[in-house]
Amino acid sequence: MPRIFEYLGILIFFYSNEHESIYVHGRHDGCERKVEFYIYDWEIVEIKIKPVKGMKPLTGTKLKDF
């Protein structure tokens, strides 16, 4: 689990052995979400916030901060 950054207590990381799309996870106090980035021609064209199976979702202010 390579750690990228920590911001306002939110750990931002990725798993190096997961699926192909570009994404990061955000975890705080036992809650987690992931964000997938869809890139076309070197520009981010869409960002999707998704739940993480088996984890309580990151919500409220912490989700917004993430």
PDB file of N, CA and C in Angstrom:
ATOM      1  N   MET A   1       0.843  -1.170   0.000  1.00  0.00           N
ATOM      2  CA  MET A   1       0.000   0.000   0.000  1.00  0.00           C
ATOM      3  C   MET A   1       0.892   1.238   0.000  1.00  0.00           C
ATOM      4  N   PRO A   2       1.298   1.744  -1.155  1.00  0.00           N
ATOM      5  CA  PRO A   2       2.087   2.961  -1.203  1.00  0.00           C
ATOM      6  C   PRO A   2       1.281   4.179  -0.717  1.00  0.00           C
ATOM      7  N   ARG A   3       1.840   4.847   0.249  1.00  0.00           N
ATOM      8  CA  ARG A   3       1.209   6.039   0.817  1.00  0.00           C
ATOM      9  C   ARG A   3       1.618   7.242  -0.029  1.00  0.00           C
ATOM     10  N   ILE A   4       0.643   8.005  -0.510  1.00  0.00           N
ATOM     11  CA  ILE A   4       0.921   9.150  -1.358  1.00  0.00           C
ATOM     12  C   ILE A   4       1.018  10.423  -0.530  1.00  0.00           C
ATOM     13  N   PHE A   5       0.047  10.610   0.389  1.00  0.00           N
ATOM     14  CA  PHE A   5      -0.079  11.896   1.060  1.00  0.00           C
ATOM     15  C   PHE A   5      -0.995  11.743   2.261  1.00  0.00           C
ATOM     16  N   GLU A   6      -0.859  12.625   3.231  1.00  0.00           N
ATOM     17  CA  GLU A   6      -1.822  12.701   4.321  1.00  0.00           C
ATOM     18  C   GLU A   6      -2.264  14.150   4.442  1.00  0.00           C
ATOM     19  N   TYR A   7      -3.580  14.359   4.437  1.00  0.00           N
ATOM     20  CA  TYR A   7      -4.148  15.707   4.426  1.00  0.00           C
ATOM     21  C   TYR A   7      -5.309  15.758   5.405  1.00  0.00           C
ATOM     22  N   LEU A   8      -5.240  16.646   6.391  1.00  0.00           N
ATOM     23  CA  LEU A   8      -6.286  16.808   7.404  1.00  0.00           C
ATOM     24  C   LEU A   8      -6.652  15.471   8.057  1.00  0.00           C
ATOM     25  N   GLY A   9      -5.662  14.630   8.263  1.00  0.00           N
ATOM     26  CA  GLY A   9      -5.880  13.331   8.889  1.00  0.00           C
ATOM     27  C   GLY A   9      -6.359  12.244   7.947  1.00  0.00           C
ATOM     28  N   ILE A  10      -6.536  12.572   6.675  1.00  0.00           N
ATOM     29  CA  ILE A  10      -6.983  11.594   5.678  1.00  0.00           C
ATOM     30  C   ILE A  10      -5.754  11.012   4.988  1.00  0.00           C
ATOM     31  N   LEU A  11      -5.605   9.704   5.077  1.00  0.00           N
ATOM     32  CA  LEU A  11      -4.500   9.012   4.428  1.00  0.00           C
ATOM     33  C   LEU A  11      -4.895   8.734   2.981  1.00  0.00           C
ATOM     34  N   ILE A  12      -4.094   9.190   2.044  1.00  0.00           N
ATOM     35  CA  ILE A  12      -4.366   8.988   0.614  1.00  0.00           C
ATOM     36  C   ILE A  12      -3.318   8.003   0.089  1.00  0.00           C
ATOM     37  N   PHE A  13      -3.799   6.891  -0.501  1.00  0.00           N
ATOM     38  CA  PHE A  13      -2.899   5.817  -0.912  1.00  0.00           C
ATOM     39  C   PHE A  13      -3.501   5.039  -2.066  1.00  0.00           C
ATOM     40  N   PHE A  14      -2.731   4.079  -2.593  1.00  0.00           N
ATOM     41  CA  PHE A  14      -3.245   3.165  -3.605  1.00  0.00           C
ATOM     42  C   PHE A  14      -2.673   1.777  -3.353  1.00  0.00           C
ATOM     43  N   TYR A  15      -3.315   0.776  -3.906  1.00  0.00           N
ATOM     44  CA  TYR A  15      -2.816  -0.591  -3.859  1.00  0.00           C
ATOM     45  C   TYR A  15      -2.160  -0.874  -5.205  1.00  0.00           C
ATOM     46  N   SER A  16      -0.923  -1.293  -5.197  1.00  0.00           N
ATOM     47  CA  SER A  16      -0.185  -1.459  -6.446  1.00  0.00           C
ATOM     48  C   SER A  16      -0.619  -2.669  -7.257  1.00  0.00           C
ATOM     49  N   ASN A  17      -1.407  -3.573  -6.681  1.00  0.00           N
ATOM     50  CA  ASN A  17      -1.785  -4.793  -7.401  1.00  0.00           C
ATOM     51  C   ASN A  17      -3.259  -4.815  -7.806  1.00  0.00           C
ATOM     52  N   GLU A  18      -3.935  -3.684  -7.810  1.00  0.00           N
ATOM     53  CA  GLU A  18      -5.357  -3.665  -8.162  1.00  0.00           C
ATOM     54  C   GLU A  18      -5.568  -3.362  -9.641  1.00  0.00           C
ATOM     55  N   HIS A  19      -6.793  -3.032  -9.983  1.00  0.00           N
ATOM     56  CA  HIS A  19      -7.227  -2.889 -11.377  1.00  0.00           C
ATOM     57  C   HIS A  19      -6.531  -1.764 -12.138  1.00  0.00           C
ATOM     58  N   GLU A  20      -6.825  -1.690 -13.409  1.00  0.00           N
ATOM     59  CA  GLU A  20      -6.129  -0.840 -14.370  1.00  0.00           C
ATOM     60  C   GLU A  20      -6.410   0.654 -14.251  1.00  0.00           C
ATOM     61  N   SER A  21      -7.642   1.073 -13.998  1.00  0.00           N
ATOM     62  CA  SER A  21      -7.935   2.503 -14.016  1.00  0.00           C
ATOM     63  C   SER A  21      -7.132   3.244 -12.944  1.00  0.00           C
ATOM     64  N   ILE A  22      -6.941   4.528 -13.127  1.00  0.00           N
ATOM     65  CA  ILE A  22      -6.167   5.338 -12.187  1.00  0.00           C
ATOM     66  C   ILE A  22      -7.089   5.752 -11.046  1.00  0.00           C
ATOM     67  N   TYR A  23      -6.668   5.503  -9.835  1.00  0.00           N
ATOM     68  CA  TYR A  23      -7.514   5.766  -8.670  1.00  0.00           C
ATOM     69  C   TYR A  23      -6.654   5.918  -7.429  1.00  0.00           C
ATOM     70  N   VAL A  24      -7.225   6.505  -6.397  1.00  0.00           N
ATOM     71  CA  VAL A  24      -6.602   6.563  -5.078  1.00  0.00           C
ATOM     72  C   VAL A  24      -7.666   6.262  -4.035  1.00  0.00           C
ATOM     73  N   HIS A  25      -7.228   5.788  -2.880  1.00  0.00           N
ATOM     74  CA  HIS A  25      -8.104   5.546  -1.741  1.00  0.00           C
ATOM     75  C   HIS A  25      -7.882   6.656  -0.725  1.00  0.00           C
ATOM     76  N   GLY A  26      -8.927   6.999   0.008  1.00  0.00           N
ATOM     77  CA  GLY A  26      -8.825   7.917   1.123  1.00  0.00           C
ATOM     78  C   GLY A  26      -9.377   7.238   2.364  1.00  0.00           C
ATOM     79  N   ARG A  27      -8.608   7.244   3.461  1.00  0.00           N
ATOM     80  CA  ARG A  27      -9.041   6.555   4.680  1.00  0.00           C
ATOM     81  C   ARG A  27      -8.887   7.490   5.874  1.00  0.00           C
ATOM     82  N   HIS A  28      -9.913   7.500   6.708  1.00  0.00           N
ATOM     83  CA  HIS A  28      -9.868   8.278   7.948  1.00  0.00           C
ATOM     84  C   HIS A  28     -10.718   7.585   8.996  1.00  0.00           C
ATOM     85  N   ASP A  29     -10.135   7.309  10.140  1.00  0.00           N
ATOM     86  CA  ASP A  29     -10.868   6.786  11.291  1.00  0.00           C
ATOM     87  C   ASP A  29     -11.716   5.556  10.954  1.00  0.00           C
ATOM     88  N   GLY A  30     -11.153   4.617  10.181  1.00  0.00           N
ATOM     89  CA  GLY A  30     -11.837   3.376   9.850  1.00  0.00           C
ATOM     90  C   GLY A  30     -12.828   3.467   8.701  1.00  0.00           C
ATOM     91  N   CYS A  31     -12.942   4.632   8.096  1.00  0.00           N
ATOM     92  CA  CYS A  31     -13.841   4.826   6.941  1.00  0.00           C
ATOM     93  C   CYS A  31     -12.984   5.029   5.684  1.00  0.00           C
ATOM     94  N   GLU A  32     -13.517   4.592   4.545  1.00  0.00           N
ATOM     95  CA  GLU A  32     -12.713   4.660   3.320  1.00  0.00           C
ATOM     96  C   GLU A  32     -13.595   4.833   2.082  1.00  0.00           C
ATOM     97  N   ARG A  33     -13.081   5.544   1.112  1.00  0.00           N
ATOM     98  CA  ARG A  33     -13.662   5.662  -0.235  1.00  0.00           C
ATOM     99  C   ARG A  33     -12.522   5.602  -1.229  1.00  0.00           C
ATOM    100  N   LYS A  34     -12.884   5.382  -2.489  1.00  0.00           N
ATOM    101  CA  LYS A  34     -11.870   5.487  -3.538  1.00  0.00           C
ATOM    102  C   LYS A  34     -12.375   6.435  -4.609  1.00  0.00           C
ATOM    103  N   VAL A  35     -11.443   7.050  -5.284  1.00  0.00           N
ATOM    104  CA  VAL A  35     -11.759   7.995  -6.357  1.00  0.00           C
ATOM    105  C   VAL A  35     -11.072   7.497  -7.614  1.00  0.00           C
ATOM    106  N   GLU A  36     -11.854   7.325  -8.684  1.00  0.00           N
ATOM    107  CA  GLU A  36     -11.305   6.902  -9.970  1.00  0.00           C
ATOM    108  C   GLU A  36     -11.243   8.100 -10.898  1.00  0.00           C
ATOM    109  N   PHE A  37     -10.133   8.214 -11.593  1.00  0.00           N
ATOM    110  CA  PHE A  37      -9.912   9.307 -12.537  1.00  0.00           C
ATOM    111  C   PHE A  37      -9.975   8.750 -13.949  1.00  0.00           C
ATOM    112  N   TYR A  38     -10.795   9.364 -14.785  1.00  0.00           N
ATOM    113  CA  TYR A  38     -10.909   8.961 -16.184  1.00  0.00           C
ATOM    114  C   TYR A  38     -10.205  10.019 -17.020  1.00  0.00           C
ATOM    115  N   ILE A  39      -9.195   9.576 -17.746  1.00  0.00           N
ATOM    116  CA  ILE A  39      -8.329  10.496 -18.472  1.00  0.00           C
ATOM    117  C   ILE A  39      -8.435  10.236 -19.964  1.00  0.00           C
ATOM    118  N   TYR A  40      -8.580  11.317 -20.715  1.00  0.00           N
ATOM    119  CA  TYR A  40      -8.615  11.239 -22.172  1.00  0.00           C
ATOM    120  C   TYR A  40      -7.680  12.311 -22.710  1.00  0.00           C
ATOM    121  N   ASP A  41      -6.767  11.914 -23.551  1.00  0.00           N
ATOM    122  CA  ASP A  41      -5.827  12.841 -24.181  1.00  0.00           C
ATOM    123  C   ASP A  41      -5.102  13.696 -23.133  1.00  0.00           C
ATOM    124  N   TRP A  42      -4.632  13.055 -22.055  1.00  0.00           N
ATOM    125  CA  TRP A  42      -3.855  13.659 -20.971  1.00  0.00           C
ATOM    126  C   TRP A  42      -4.630  14.667 -20.126  1.00  0.00           C
ATOM    127  N   GLU A  43      -5.959  14.639 -20.183  1.00  0.00           N
ATOM    128  CA  GLU A  43      -6.783  15.506 -19.346  1.00  0.00           C
ATOM    129  C   GLU A  43      -7.761  14.661 -18.548  1.00  0.00           C
ATOM    130  N   ILE A  44      -7.977  15.034 -17.287  1.00  0.00           N
ATOM    131  CA  ILE A  44      -8.988  14.356 -16.476  1.00  0.00           C
ATOM    132  C   ILE A  44     -10.348  14.828 -16.966  1.00  0.00           C
ATOM    133  N   VAL A  45     -11.155  13.895 -17.470  1.00  0.00           N
ATOM    134  CA  VAL A  45     -12.460  14.245 -18.013  1.00  0.00           C
ATOM    135  C   VAL A  45     -13.604  13.875 -17.070  1.00  0.00           C
ATOM    136  N   GLU A  46     -13.323  12.978 -16.112  1.00  0.00           N
ATOM    137  CA  GLU A  46     -14.355  12.580 -15.160  1.00  0.00           C
ATOM    138  C   GLU A  46     -13.694  12.030 -13.903  1.00  0.00           C
ATOM    139  N   ILE A  47     -14.339  12.294 -12.763  1.00  0.00           N
ATOM    140  CA  ILE A  47     -13.892  11.768 -11.482  1.00  0.00           C
ATOM    141  C   ILE A  47     -15.095  11.104 -10.829  1.00  0.00           C
ATOM    142  N   LYS A  48     -14.938   9.841 -10.418  1.00  0.00           N
ATOM    143  CA  LYS A  48     -16.029   9.112  -9.770  1.00  0.00           C
ATOM    144  C   LYS A  48     -15.607   8.707  -8.364  1.00  0.00           C
ATOM    145  N   ILE A  49     -16.458   9.010  -7.388  1.00  0.00           N
ATOM    146  CA  ILE A  49     -16.232   8.597  -6.005  1.00  0.00           C
ATOM    147  C   ILE A  49     -17.001   7.307  -5.796  1.00  0.00           C
ATOM    148  N   LYS A  50     -16.302   6.273  -5.325  1.00  0.00           N
ATOM    149  CA  LYS A  50     -16.919   4.954  -5.200  1.00  0.00           C
ATOM    150  C   LYS A  50     -16.701   4.384  -3.802  1.00  0.00           C
ATOM    151  N   PRO A  51     -17.604   3.487  -3.378  1.00  0.00           N
ATOM    152  CA  PRO A  51     -17.412   2.826  -2.081  1.00  0.00           C
ATOM    153  C   PRO A  51     -16.312   1.773  -2.174  1.00  0.00           C
ATOM    154  N   VAL A  52     -15.812   1.372  -1.022  1.00  0.00           N
ATOM    155  CA  VAL A  52     -14.820   0.300  -0.938  1.00  0.00           C
ATOM    156  C   VAL A  52     -15.501  -0.865  -0.236  1.00  0.00           C
ATOM    157  N   LYS A  53     -15.538  -2.003  -0.903  1.00  0.00           N
ATOM    158  CA  LYS A  53     -16.211  -3.192  -0.373  1.00  0.00           C
ATOM    159  C   LYS A  53     -15.661  -3.558   1.006  1.00  0.00           C
ATOM    160  N   GLY A  54     -16.565  -3.744   1.952  1.00  0.00           N
ATOM    161  CA  GLY A  54     -16.193  -4.170   3.290  1.00  0.00           C
ATOM    162  C   GLY A  54     -15.763  -3.049   4.225  1.00  0.00           C
ATOM    163  N   MET A  55     -15.819  -1.798   3.765  1.00  0.00           N
ATOM    164  CA  MET A  55     -15.407  -0.665   4.592  1.00  0.00           C
ATOM    165  C   MET A  55     -16.580   0.301   4.781  1.00  0.00           C
ATOM    166  N   LYS A  56     -16.625   0.941   5.946  1.00  0.00           N
ATOM    167  CA  LYS A  56     -17.613   2.003   6.150  1.00  0.00           C
ATOM    168  C   LYS A  56     -17.233   3.166   5.234  1.00  0.00           C
ATOM    169  N   PRO A  57     -18.219   3.842   4.626  1.00  0.00           N
ATOM    170  CA  PRO A  57     -17.886   4.923   3.689  1.00  0.00           C
ATOM    171  C   PRO A  57     -17.418   6.196   4.388  1.00  0.00           C
ATOM    172  N   LEU A  58     -16.475   6.847   3.788  1.00  0.00           N
ATOM    173  CA  LEU A  58     -16.040   8.166   4.203  1.00  0.00           C
ATOM    174  C   LEU A  58     -17.158   9.130   3.824  1.00  0.00           C
ATOM    175  N   THR A  59     -17.643   9.944   4.756  1.00  0.00           N
ATOM    176  CA  THR A  59     -18.792  10.813   4.481  1.00  0.00           C
ATOM    177  C   THR A  59     -18.553  12.225   5.014  1.00  0.00           C
ATOM    178  N   GLY A  60     -19.508  13.089   4.738  1.00  0.00           N
ATOM    179  CA  GLY A  60     -19.529  14.432   5.304  1.00  0.00           C
ATOM    180  C   GLY A  60     -18.313  15.264   4.965  1.00  0.00           C
ATOM    181  N   THR A  61     -17.823  15.985   5.964  1.00  0.00           N
ATOM    182  CA  THR A  61     -16.701  16.897   5.785  1.00  0.00           C
ATOM    183  C   THR A  61     -15.442  16.159   5.333  1.00  0.00           C
ATOM    184  N   LYS A  62     -15.202  14.974   5.878  1.00  0.00           N
ATOM    185  CA  LYS A  62     -14.001  14.222   5.496  1.00  0.00           C
ATOM    186  C   LYS A  62     -14.055  13.790   4.027  1.00  0.00           C
ATOM    187  N   LEU A  63     -15.234  13.437   3.534  1.00  0.00           N
ATOM    188  CA  LEU A  63     -15.369  13.100   2.115  1.00  0.00           C
ATOM    189  C   LEU A  63     -15.090  14.343   1.265  1.00  0.00           C
ATOM    190  N   LYS A  64     -15.636  15.469   1.685  1.00  0.00           N
ATOM    191  CA  LYS A  64     -15.417  16.727   0.959  1.00  0.00           C
ATOM    192  C   LYS A  64     -13.928  17.100   0.970  1.00  0.00           C
ATOM    193  N   ASP A  65     -13.280  16.935   2.128  1.00  0.00           N
ATOM    194  CA  ASP A  65     -11.841  17.232   2.213  1.00  0.00           C
ATOM    195  C   ASP A  65     -11.026  16.309   1.325  1.00  0.00           C
ATOM    196  N   PHE A  66     -11.441  15.057   1.253  1.00  0.00           N
ATOM    197  CA  PHE A  66     -10.755  14.085   0.398  1.00  0.00           C
ATOM    198  C   PHE A  66     -10.868  14.485  -1.048  1.00  0.00           C
TER     199      PHE A  66
END
